[in-house]
Structures are given as structure tokens and as C-alpha cells.
């Protein structure tokens, strides 16, 4: 399966978010394109072959904001990881706000959910949707 959907997030402090996402979740930088005044115009981070894009909050046609700015979320991300419990321990140690600890689901997955430093909701688990023919 080839990834064809790329989540894109905005952060008030994108440089700090990139460092935190690396430390807490294990992402690696593919590309970071600086913007004006220490902002990030565009960044791409990878984890086990999956890529997310992010950048600094800015006034543009998208109007995307950090959840902490608006006090709510409008989406969440689900990321497959091989070892859910080890990933959870890493994220919790880095300060992720875990609101659903690792648990086994009725559909055969083990997963947990948390908020990152700016309130984006991430779920990590070992459920992997398969492509249907």
C-alpha cells in the first residue's frame, strides 16, 4: 500500500513542535523549509513510512489554527506502530497528554490516544486498515 493521504497540521511554534514530535513520537525530519521570523513554511516528518506535513500558523487561505488557539479540535490522526506499549511510554515520558491509556479494543487492536503540546489529538495502535479491491 502506498500512502496517498498526507495529514497537514499547523502549530503556533512549529520549530518546537518538530523537535517534540521527534522526541515523543519518534518522527524523523524529511524536509523543513524555514519561513519568515523563525517560522516553518512547510515541513515533512516520517514515521515507519508514513508522512505528516506541518507548518506554522499563519494568515492564509487555509485559516488553519492550533487546537490550543481555538479551544477545540476538528480532526485527529491515527498512526500504526509496532509496539504500542513502548510507544506510549516514550510519548508519556516526553509529556504527551494521554487521555486514553493503552487498551485492547473489540476489533482486535491495541491502542492509546493523546494530545501533543498544542492539543492535536493522536491515536497510536497496531490496527492497520488494508486496501480493499
N, C-alpha and C. Protein backbone atom coordinates (compact mmCIF):
# COMPACT_ATOMS: atom_id res chain seq x y z
N UNK A 1 0.85 -1.17 0.00
CA UNK A 1 0.00 0.00 0.00
C UNK A 1 0.91 1.24 0.00
N UNK A 2 0.63 2.18 -0.87
CA UNK A 2 1.36 3.43 -0.97
C UNK A 2 0.54 4.54 -0.34
N UNK A 3 1.17 5.33 0.52
CA UNK A 3 0.46 6.42 1.18
C UNK A 3 0.04 7.45 0.13
N UNK A 4 -1.22 7.84 0.18
CA UNK A 4 -1.70 8.88 -0.73
C UNK A 4 -2.50 9.96 -0.01
N UNK A 5 -2.59 9.87 1.31
CA UNK A 5 -3.22 10.90 2.12
C UNK A 5 -2.16 11.39 3.10
N UNK A 6 -1.97 12.71 3.14
CA UNK A 6 -0.92 13.30 3.96
C UNK A 6 -1.53 14.34 4.89
N UNK A 7 -1.72 13.98 6.16
CA UNK A 7 -2.26 14.97 7.09
C UNK A 7 -1.36 16.20 7.15
N UNK A 8 -1.98 17.35 7.32
CA UNK A 8 -1.24 18.62 7.42
C UNK A 8 -1.74 19.37 8.64
N UNK A 9 -0.81 19.72 9.53
CA UNK A 9 -1.14 20.36 10.79
C UNK A 9 -0.46 21.72 10.87
N UNK A 10 -1.03 22.60 11.68
CA UNK A 10 -0.42 23.91 11.94
C UNK A 10 -0.11 24.01 13.43
N UNK A 11 1.02 24.63 13.72
CA UNK A 11 1.47 24.84 15.10
C UNK A 11 1.85 26.29 15.29
N UNK A 12 1.54 26.85 16.48
CA UNK A 12 1.97 28.21 16.81
C UNK A 12 3.49 28.26 16.87
N UNK A 13 4.11 27.23 17.41
CA UNK A 13 5.57 27.14 17.50
C UNK A 13 6.00 25.87 16.76
N UNK A 14 6.04 25.95 15.44
CA UNK A 14 6.36 24.77 14.63
C UNK A 14 7.77 24.25 14.87
N UNK A 15 8.79 25.09 15.04
CA UNK A 15 10.12 24.52 15.32
C UNK A 15 10.13 23.67 16.60
N UNK A 16 9.47 24.15 17.65
CA UNK A 16 9.40 23.37 18.89
C UNK A 16 8.56 22.11 18.69
N UNK A 17 7.51 22.20 17.91
CA UNK A 17 6.66 21.04 17.64
C UNK A 17 7.45 19.95 16.92
N UNK A 18 8.26 20.32 15.95
CA UNK A 18 9.06 19.34 15.22
C UNK A 18 9.98 18.60 16.18
N UNK A 19 10.67 19.33 17.02
CA UNK A 19 11.57 18.70 17.99
C UNK A 19 10.80 17.78 18.93
N UNK A 20 9.64 18.24 19.39
CA UNK A 20 8.84 17.43 20.31
C UNK A 20 8.30 16.18 19.63
N UNK A 21 7.80 16.30 18.40
CA UNK A 21 7.28 15.14 17.68
C UNK A 21 8.36 14.09 17.44
N UNK A 22 9.59 14.55 17.24
CA UNK A 22 10.70 13.61 17.11
C UNK A 22 10.95 12.89 18.44
N UNK A 23 11.02 13.65 19.52
CA UNK A 23 11.33 13.09 20.83
C UNK A 23 10.19 12.21 21.36
N UNK A 24 8.97 12.69 21.26
CA UNK A 24 7.82 12.00 21.86
C UNK A 24 7.31 10.83 21.03
N UNK A 25 7.22 11.02 19.73
CA UNK A 25 6.58 10.02 18.88
C UNK A 25 7.54 9.27 17.97
N UNK A 26 8.78 9.74 17.85
CA UNK A 26 9.76 9.04 17.02
C UNK A 26 9.81 9.46 15.57
N UNK A 27 9.18 10.59 15.22
CA UNK A 27 9.24 11.07 13.84
C UNK A 27 10.67 11.47 13.49
N UNK A 28 10.98 11.45 12.20
CA UNK A 28 12.25 11.95 11.67
C UNK A 28 11.95 12.99 10.61
N UNK A 29 12.82 13.97 10.50
CA UNK A 29 12.64 15.05 9.52
C UNK A 29 12.98 14.54 8.11
N UNK A 30 12.06 14.80 7.19
CA UNK A 30 12.35 14.61 5.77
C UNK A 30 12.73 15.93 5.15
N UNK A 31 11.98 16.98 5.52
CA UNK A 31 12.24 18.32 4.99
C UNK A 31 11.69 19.35 5.95
N UNK A 32 12.43 20.44 6.11
CA UNK A 32 11.96 21.58 6.88
C UNK A 32 12.36 22.83 6.10
N UNK A 33 11.35 23.57 5.65
CA UNK A 33 11.58 24.79 4.88
C UNK A 33 11.22 25.99 5.76
N UNK A 34 12.24 26.79 6.10
CA UNK A 34 12.00 27.91 7.00
C UNK A 34 11.11 28.98 6.38
N UNK A 35 10.34 29.62 7.25
CA UNK A 35 9.54 30.77 6.86
C UNK A 35 10.14 32.01 7.49
N UNK A 36 9.46 33.13 7.39
CA UNK A 36 9.98 34.37 7.98
C UNK A 36 9.95 34.34 9.51
N UNK A 37 10.86 35.06 10.12
CA UNK A 37 10.86 35.29 11.58
C UNK A 37 10.86 34.01 12.41
N UNK A 38 11.63 33.01 11.99
CA UNK A 38 11.75 31.78 12.77
C UNK A 38 10.58 30.82 12.64
N UNK A 39 9.70 31.05 11.67
CA UNK A 39 8.56 30.16 11.46
C UNK A 39 8.97 29.02 10.52
N UNK A 40 8.06 28.09 10.31
CA UNK A 40 8.26 26.99 9.38
C UNK A 40 7.21 27.14 8.28
N UNK A 41 7.68 27.32 7.05
CA UNK A 41 6.75 27.42 5.92
C UNK A 41 6.14 26.06 5.60
N UNK A 42 6.97 25.01 5.67
CA UNK A 42 6.50 23.66 5.35
C UNK A 42 7.51 22.67 5.89
N UNK A 43 7.01 21.60 6.51
CA UNK A 43 7.88 20.53 6.98
C UNK A 43 7.21 19.19 6.71
N UNK A 44 8.03 18.18 6.52
CA UNK A 44 7.56 16.82 6.33
C UNK A 44 8.31 15.93 7.31
N UNK A 45 7.54 15.15 8.09
CA UNK A 45 8.11 14.23 9.06
C UNK A 45 7.65 12.82 8.73
N UNK A 46 8.51 11.84 8.98
CA UNK A 46 8.19 10.45 8.64
C UNK A 46 8.30 9.56 9.86
N UNK A 47 7.42 8.57 9.95
CA UNK A 47 7.46 7.55 10.98
C UNK A 47 7.04 6.23 10.34
N UNK A 48 7.94 5.28 10.29
CA UNK A 48 7.64 3.96 9.72
C UNK A 48 7.00 4.05 8.34
N UNK A 49 7.45 4.96 7.51
CA UNK A 49 6.95 5.08 6.14
C UNK A 49 5.77 6.01 5.98
N UNK A 50 5.16 6.48 7.06
CA UNK A 50 4.03 7.40 6.98
C UNK A 50 4.51 8.83 7.17
N UNK A 51 3.99 9.73 6.35
CA UNK A 51 4.44 11.12 6.35
C UNK A 51 3.31 12.04 6.80
N UNK A 52 3.65 12.99 7.68
CA UNK A 52 2.76 14.08 8.02
C UNK A 52 3.46 15.38 7.62
N UNK A 53 2.67 16.37 7.27
CA UNK A 53 3.20 17.68 6.92
C UNK A 53 2.75 18.66 8.00
N UNK A 54 3.56 19.68 8.22
CA UNK A 54 3.17 20.70 9.19
C UNK A 54 3.83 22.01 8.85
N UNK A 55 3.32 23.05 9.48
CA UNK A 55 3.88 24.37 9.32
C UNK A 55 3.39 25.28 10.42
N UNK A 56 3.89 26.48 10.41
CA UNK A 56 3.50 27.46 11.40
C UNK A 56 2.12 28.03 11.09
N UNK A 57 1.38 28.37 12.15
CA UNK A 57 0.11 29.07 11.99
C UNK A 57 0.41 30.40 11.31
N UNK A 58 -0.37 30.73 10.30
CA UNK A 58 -0.18 32.00 9.59
C UNK A 58 -1.49 32.39 8.92
N UNK A 59 -1.67 33.67 8.69
CA UNK A 59 -2.90 34.09 8.00
C UNK A 59 -2.78 33.74 6.51
N UNK A 60 -3.59 32.80 6.07
CA UNK A 60 -3.61 32.43 4.66
C UNK A 60 -4.99 31.89 4.30
N UNK A 61 -5.14 31.41 3.09
CA UNK A 61 -6.44 30.95 2.61
C UNK A 61 -6.96 29.74 3.39
N UNK A 62 -6.07 28.94 3.99
CA UNK A 62 -6.50 27.76 4.72
C UNK A 62 -7.14 28.11 6.06
N UNK A 63 -6.64 29.12 6.71
CA UNK A 63 -7.17 29.52 8.00
C UNK A 63 -6.97 28.49 9.10
N UNK A 64 -6.00 27.59 8.93
CA UNK A 64 -5.77 26.53 9.91
C UNK A 64 -5.16 27.09 11.18
N UNK A 65 -5.62 26.59 12.31
CA UNK A 65 -5.17 27.04 13.61
C UNK A 65 -4.74 25.85 14.47
N UNK A 66 -4.01 26.16 15.51
CA UNK A 66 -3.65 25.17 16.52
C UNK A 66 -4.86 24.95 17.42
N UNK A 67 -5.14 23.71 17.85
CA UNK A 67 -6.28 23.48 18.73
C UNK A 67 -6.23 24.31 20.01
N UNK A 68 -5.06 24.60 20.54
CA UNK A 68 -4.96 25.40 21.76
C UNK A 68 -5.42 26.83 21.51
N UNK A 69 -5.29 27.31 20.28
CA UNK A 69 -5.75 28.67 19.94
C UNK A 69 -7.27 28.77 19.96
N UNK A 70 -7.93 27.75 19.43
CA UNK A 70 -9.38 27.82 19.27
C UNK A 70 -10.14 27.07 20.36
N UNK A 71 -9.42 26.30 21.19
CA UNK A 71 -10.06 25.62 22.30
C UNK A 71 -10.86 24.38 21.93
N UNK A 72 -10.62 23.84 20.75
CA UNK A 72 -11.30 22.62 20.32
C UNK A 72 -10.50 21.98 19.19
N UNK A 73 -10.88 20.75 18.84
CA UNK A 73 -10.24 20.08 17.72
C UNK A 73 -11.27 19.79 16.65
N UNK A 74 -10.82 19.64 15.43
CA UNK A 74 -11.74 19.32 14.34
C UNK A 74 -11.33 18.05 13.61
N UNK A 75 -10.23 17.43 14.03
CA UNK A 75 -9.79 16.18 13.43
C UNK A 75 -8.82 15.51 14.39
N UNK A 76 -8.51 14.25 14.09
CA UNK A 76 -7.48 13.55 14.84
C UNK A 76 -6.73 12.66 13.87
N UNK A 77 -5.59 12.16 14.32
CA UNK A 77 -4.76 11.31 13.48
C UNK A 77 -4.62 9.95 14.13
N UNK A 78 -4.57 8.89 13.30
CA UNK A 78 -4.32 7.54 13.78
C UNK A 78 -3.06 7.06 13.08
N UNK A 79 -2.11 6.55 13.88
CA UNK A 79 -0.82 6.13 13.35
C UNK A 79 -0.55 4.70 13.79
N UNK A 80 -0.21 3.84 12.84
CA UNK A 80 0.16 2.47 13.16
C UNK A 80 1.56 2.45 13.75
N UNK A 81 1.72 1.71 14.85
CA UNK A 81 3.04 1.46 15.44
C UNK A 81 3.12 -0.02 15.80
N UNK A 82 4.33 -0.57 15.76
CA UNK A 82 4.52 -1.99 16.03
C UNK A 82 4.36 -2.32 17.50
N UNK A 83 4.91 -1.48 18.39
CA UNK A 83 4.89 -1.75 19.82
C UNK A 83 4.16 -0.61 20.53
N UNK A 84 2.88 -0.79 20.74
CA UNK A 84 2.03 0.26 21.30
C UNK A 84 2.47 0.65 22.70
N UNK A 85 2.78 -0.32 23.53
CA UNK A 85 3.13 -0.01 24.92
C UNK A 85 4.45 0.75 25.01
N UNK A 86 5.43 0.37 24.23
CA UNK A 86 6.71 1.10 24.23
C UNK A 86 6.51 2.51 23.68
N UNK A 87 5.69 2.65 22.64
CA UNK A 87 5.43 3.97 22.08
C UNK A 87 4.73 4.85 23.10
N UNK A 88 3.75 4.29 23.78
CA UNK A 88 3.03 5.03 24.82
C UNK A 88 3.99 5.51 25.91
N UNK A 89 4.88 4.63 26.36
CA UNK A 89 5.84 5.01 27.40
C UNK A 89 6.72 6.16 26.94
N UNK A 90 7.16 6.12 25.70
CA UNK A 90 8.00 7.18 25.15
C UNK A 90 7.24 8.50 25.11
N UNK A 91 6.01 8.46 24.59
CA UNK A 91 5.21 9.68 24.47
C UNK A 91 4.88 10.26 25.84
N UNK A 92 4.50 9.42 26.78
CA UNK A 92 4.17 9.89 28.12
C UNK A 92 5.39 10.52 28.79
N UNK A 93 6.55 9.91 28.61
CA UNK A 93 7.78 10.44 29.21
C UNK A 93 8.13 11.81 28.64
N UNK A 94 7.74 12.07 27.39
CA UNK A 94 8.02 13.35 26.75
C UNK A 94 6.95 14.40 27.05
N UNK A 95 5.93 14.03 27.81
CA UNK A 95 4.91 14.99 28.20
C UNK A 95 3.63 14.97 27.39
N UNK A 96 3.42 13.94 26.57
CA UNK A 96 2.14 13.85 25.85
C UNK A 96 1.01 13.75 26.88
N UNK A 97 -0.08 14.42 26.59
CA UNK A 97 -1.26 14.38 27.47
C UNK A 97 -2.10 13.16 27.10
N UNK A 98 -1.81 12.05 27.74
CA UNK A 98 -2.50 10.79 27.44
C UNK A 98 -3.88 10.82 28.09
N UNK A 99 -4.93 10.68 27.28
CA UNK A 99 -6.27 10.66 27.84
C UNK A 99 -6.96 9.32 27.67
N UNK A 100 -6.31 8.40 26.95
CA UNK A 100 -6.80 7.02 26.83
C UNK A 100 -5.57 6.14 26.80
N UNK A 101 -5.32 5.45 27.90
CA UNK A 101 -4.13 4.62 28.01
C UNK A 101 -4.20 3.41 27.10
N UNK A 102 -3.11 2.71 26.95
CA UNK A 102 -3.12 1.52 26.09
C UNK A 102 -4.20 0.54 26.51
N UNK A 103 -4.98 0.13 25.54
CA UNK A 103 -6.06 -0.82 25.80
C UNK A 103 -6.31 -1.67 24.57
N UNK A 104 -6.85 -2.84 24.79
CA UNK A 104 -7.23 -3.73 23.70
C UNK A 104 -8.67 -3.41 23.31
N UNK A 105 -8.92 -3.30 22.00
CA UNK A 105 -10.25 -2.96 21.52
C UNK A 105 -11.01 -4.21 21.10
N UNK A 106 -12.31 -4.06 20.91
CA UNK A 106 -13.15 -5.17 20.48
C UNK A 106 -12.85 -5.59 19.04
N UNK A 107 -12.18 -4.71 18.26
CA UNK A 107 -11.86 -5.04 16.87
C UNK A 107 -10.43 -5.54 16.70
N UNK A 108 -9.79 -5.91 17.83
CA UNK A 108 -8.52 -6.60 17.76
C UNK A 108 -7.28 -5.73 17.75
N UNK A 109 -7.41 -4.47 18.08
CA UNK A 109 -6.27 -3.57 18.09
C UNK A 109 -5.86 -3.26 19.53
N UNK A 110 -4.62 -2.90 19.70
CA UNK A 110 -4.16 -2.32 20.95
C UNK A 110 -3.77 -0.89 20.62
N UNK A 111 -4.25 0.08 21.40
CA UNK A 111 -4.03 1.48 21.04
C UNK A 111 -4.16 2.40 22.25
N UNK A 112 -3.68 3.62 22.06
CA UNK A 112 -3.83 4.68 23.06
C UNK A 112 -4.01 6.00 22.33
N UNK A 113 -4.49 7.01 23.04
CA UNK A 113 -4.72 8.33 22.45
C UNK A 113 -4.15 9.41 23.36
N UNK A 114 -3.66 10.49 22.73
CA UNK A 114 -3.06 11.58 23.49
C UNK A 114 -3.18 12.89 22.71
N UNK A 115 -2.84 13.97 23.40
CA UNK A 115 -2.74 15.28 22.77
C UNK A 115 -1.27 15.68 22.74
N UNK A 116 -0.87 16.33 21.67
CA UNK A 116 0.50 16.82 21.61
C UNK A 116 0.59 18.16 22.33
N UNK A 117 1.73 18.83 22.25
CA UNK A 117 1.96 20.04 23.03
C UNK A 117 1.04 21.19 22.64
N UNK A 118 0.40 21.14 21.48
CA UNK A 118 -0.54 22.19 21.10
C UNK A 118 -1.97 21.69 20.98
N UNK A 119 -2.23 20.46 21.43
CA UNK A 119 -3.59 19.97 21.51
C UNK A 119 -4.08 19.11 20.36
N UNK A 120 -3.26 18.87 19.33
CA UNK A 120 -3.67 17.95 18.27
C UNK A 120 -3.83 16.56 18.87
N UNK A 121 -4.88 15.84 18.48
CA UNK A 121 -5.15 14.52 19.02
C UNK A 121 -4.54 13.46 18.11
N UNK A 122 -3.75 12.58 18.72
CA UNK A 122 -3.09 11.48 18.04
C UNK A 122 -3.51 10.18 18.70
N UNK A 123 -3.83 9.17 17.91
CA UNK A 123 -4.02 7.82 18.41
C UNK A 123 -2.97 6.94 17.75
N UNK A 124 -2.39 6.05 18.53
CA UNK A 124 -1.38 5.12 18.03
C UNK A 124 -1.84 3.72 18.36
N UNK A 125 -1.74 2.84 17.39
CA UNK A 125 -2.18 1.46 17.62
C UNK A 125 -1.63 0.50 16.61
N UNK A 126 -1.98 -0.77 16.78
CA UNK A 126 -1.50 -1.78 15.85
C UNK A 126 -2.57 -2.26 14.88
N UNK A 127 -3.63 -1.48 14.75
CA UNK A 127 -4.62 -1.73 13.70
C UNK A 127 -4.16 -1.04 12.43
N UNK A 128 -4.15 -1.78 11.34
CA UNK A 128 -3.73 -1.21 10.06
C UNK A 128 -4.82 -1.49 9.02
N UNK A 129 -5.54 -0.47 8.58
CA UNK A 129 -6.54 -0.69 7.53
C UNK A 129 -5.87 -1.24 6.27
N UNK A 130 -6.51 -2.15 5.67
CA UNK A 130 -5.98 -2.76 4.45
C UNK A 130 -6.73 -2.21 3.24
N UNK A 131 -6.03 -2.14 2.13
CA UNK A 131 -6.67 -1.71 0.89
C UNK A 131 -7.65 -2.77 0.43
N UNK A 132 -8.84 -2.36 0.07
CA UNK A 132 -9.86 -3.27 -0.42
C UNK A 132 -9.88 -3.23 -1.95
N UNK A 133 -9.98 -4.37 -2.55
CA UNK A 133 -10.00 -4.43 -4.02
C UNK A 133 -11.39 -4.13 -4.55
